[in-house]
Structure formats: C-alpha cells, structure tokens
Amino acid sequence: MTGKELFDRYQLAALVKGLGSQEFNYGNVLYQALQLEGEEKVFQLLETAETTGKRIALGYSTRTHDSRNDPDMAFLV
C-alpha cells in the first residue's frame, strides 16, 4: 500500500471506531503529523512504519523555554 492509502485507511478506521478509541487517537496523530511535516514525509513514514511494525508519534525537536506545548515533529517509534 502507498502512504496515501495507509493514511486514508487509518482515517477511516478513526471515523468508524469513534471518539476515544485507539484508532481515533492514532488518526489524530497522523492528521497532526501531516500538518507538521507535509504529505511527502508522512506518507513515507507510514510506508516505513507498515514494513517495520512501527507507528508514527509526535515529539519535540528541541527543548524550549517558552510556554509552547505543541509537538513540532513526527517520527517512528
């Protein structure tokens, strides 16, 4: 499957399973990753995750001293 197909599959599962489900939470992670990193990187990460059994997670690239609490990068775990 392509990264786009994987993304769509996870988004559909999130809609079907609904609020509070693991699928819903992972769908939100993927959507936020898409906003942070762009389609090309997220789709590539999804393809790699699929073949290695990993998942995409959100994190912080550097420690900051400001009050910003939002993740700013996506990576595999």
C-alpha atoms as a PDB file:
ATOM      1  CA  MET A   1       0.000   0.000   0.000  1.00  0.00           C
ATOM      2  CA  THR A   2       1.101   3.529  -0.638  1.00  0.00           C
ATOM      3  CA  GLY A   3       1.470   6.041   2.164  1.00  0.00           C
ATOM      4  CA  LYS A   4      -1.661   7.846   0.964  1.00  0.00           C
ATOM      5  CA  GLU A   5      -3.650   4.600   1.044  1.00  0.00           C
ATOM      6  CA  LEU A   6      -2.389   3.848   4.551  1.00  0.00           C
ATOM      7  CA  PHE A   7      -3.272   7.351   5.721  1.00  0.00           C
ATOM      8  CA  ASP A   8      -6.781   7.024   4.305  1.00  0.00           C
ATOM      9  CA  ARG A   9      -7.192   3.576   5.891  1.00  0.00           C
ATOM     10  CA  TYR A  10      -6.231   4.916   9.336  1.00  0.00           C
ATOM     11  CA  GLN A  11      -8.530   7.933   8.953  1.00  0.00           C
ATOM     12  CA  LEU A  12     -11.459   5.687   8.007  1.00  0.00           C
ATOM     13  CA  ALA A  13     -10.774   3.425  10.993  1.00  0.00           C
ATOM     14  CA  ALA A  14     -10.757   6.503  13.237  1.00  0.00           C
ATOM     15  CA  LEU A  15     -14.174   7.548  11.931  1.00  0.00           C
ATOM     16  CA  VAL A  16     -15.638   4.062  12.268  1.00  0.00           C
ATOM     17  CA  LYS A  17     -14.323   3.361  15.777  1.00  0.00           C
ATOM     18  CA  GLY A  18     -15.151   6.840  17.039  1.00  0.00           C
ATOM     19  CA  LEU A  19     -14.111   9.229  19.752  1.00  0.00           C
ATOM     20  CA  GLY A  20     -11.901   7.780  22.473  1.00  0.00           C
ATOM     21  CA  SER A  21     -10.792   4.702  20.547  1.00  0.00           C
ATOM     22  CA  GLN A  22      -7.135   3.905  19.846  1.00  0.00           C
ATOM     23  CA  GLU A  23      -7.898   4.227  16.146  1.00  0.00           C
ATOM     24  CA  PHE A  24      -9.366   7.697  16.677  1.00  0.00           C
ATOM     25  CA  ASN A  25      -6.330   8.797  18.682  1.00  0.00           C
ATOM     26  CA  TYR A  26      -3.880   7.451  16.092  1.00  0.00           C
ATOM     27  CA  GLY A  27      -5.877   9.074  13.297  1.00  0.00           C
ATOM     28  CA  ASN A  28      -5.490  12.399  15.089  1.00  0.00           C
ATOM     29  CA  VAL A  29      -1.738  11.836  15.490  1.00  0.00           C
ATOM     30  CA  LEU A  30      -1.459  11.177  11.761  1.00  0.00           C
ATOM     31  CA  TYR A  31      -3.502  14.249  10.875  1.00  0.00           C
ATOM     32  CA  GLN A  32      -1.364  16.460  13.105  1.00  0.00           C
ATOM     33  CA  ALA A  33       1.809  14.889  11.686  1.00  0.00           C
ATOM     34  CA  LEU A  34       0.540  15.720   8.206  1.00  0.00           C
ATOM     35  CA  GLN A  35       0.108  19.363   9.210  1.00  0.00           C
ATOM     36  CA  LEU A  36       3.574  19.493  10.782  1.00  0.00           C
ATOM     37  CA  GLU A  37       5.624  17.581   8.233  1.00  0.00           C
ATOM     38  CA  GLY A  38       3.644  17.607   4.987  1.00  0.00           C
ATOM     39  CA  GLU A  39       2.289  14.797   2.852  1.00  0.00           C
ATOM     40  CA  GLU A  40       5.536  13.527   1.369  1.00  0.00           C
ATOM     41  CA  LYS A  41       7.277  12.886   4.688  1.00  0.00           C
ATOM     42  CA  VAL A  42       4.230  11.471   6.491  1.00  0.00           C
ATOM     43  CA  PHE A  43       3.342   9.138   3.633  1.00  0.00           C
ATOM     44  CA  GLN A  44       6.954   7.930   3.526  1.00  0.00           C
ATOM     45  CA  LEU A  45       6.928   7.409   7.314  1.00  0.00           C
ATOM     46  CA  LEU A  46       3.686   5.435   7.020  1.00  0.00           C
ATOM     47  CA  GLU A  47       5.180   3.148   4.390  1.00  0.00           C
ATOM     48  CA  THR A  48       8.232   2.562   6.583  1.00  0.00           C
ATOM     49  CA  ALA A  49       6.059   2.036   9.654  1.00  0.00           C
ATOM     50  CA  GLU A  50       3.981  -0.534   7.791  1.00  0.00           C
ATOM     51  CA  THR A  51       7.021  -2.598   6.791  1.00  0.00           C
ATOM     52  CA  THR A  52       8.798  -2.356  10.163  1.00  0.00           C
ATOM     53  CA  GLY A  53       5.818  -2.721  12.507  1.00  0.00           C
ATOM     54  CA  LYS A  54       6.311   0.748  13.979  1.00  0.00           C
ATOM     55  CA  ARG A  55       3.961   3.692  14.434  1.00  0.00           C
ATOM     56  CA  ILE A  56       4.207   7.428  13.946  1.00  0.00           C
ATOM     57  CA  ALA A  57       4.467   9.563  17.072  1.00  0.00           C
ATOM     58  CA  LEU A  58       4.723  13.289  17.701  1.00  0.00           C
ATOM     59  CA  GLY A  59       7.522  14.958  19.624  1.00  0.00           C
ATOM     60  CA  TYR A  60       9.659  17.999  20.169  1.00  0.00           C
ATOM     61  CA  SER A  61      12.774  18.788  18.165  1.00  0.00           C
ATOM     62  CA  THR A  62      14.416  20.886  20.898  1.00  0.00           C
ATOM     63  CA  ARG A  63      13.810  21.914  24.450  1.00  0.00           C
ATOM     64  CA  THR A  64      12.256  25.323  24.602  1.00  0.00           C
ATOM     65  CA  HIS A  65      11.812  27.673  27.489  1.00  0.00           C
ATOM     66  CA  ASP A  66       8.650  29.254  26.179  1.00  0.00           C
ATOM     67  CA  SER A  67       5.135  28.179  27.040  1.00  0.00           C
ATOM     68  CA  ARG A  68       4.550  26.323  23.768  1.00  0.00           C
ATOM     69  CA  ASN A  69       3.372  22.791  24.461  1.00  0.00           C
ATOM     70  CA  ASP A  70       2.568  21.618  20.947  1.00  0.00           C
ATOM     71  CA  PRO A  71       4.750  18.963  19.285  1.00  0.00           C
ATOM     72  CA  ASP A  72       6.722  20.132  16.274  1.00  0.00           C
ATOM     73  CA  MET A  73       7.866  16.903  14.584  1.00  0.00           C
ATOM     74  CA  ALA A  74       6.794  13.383  13.646  1.00  0.00           C
ATOM     75  CA  PHE A  75       8.938  10.258  13.963  1.00  0.00           C
ATOM     76  CA  LEU A  76       8.698   6.459  14.172  1.00  0.00           C
ATOM     77  CA  VAL A  77       8.528   4.548  17.440  1.00  0.00           C
END
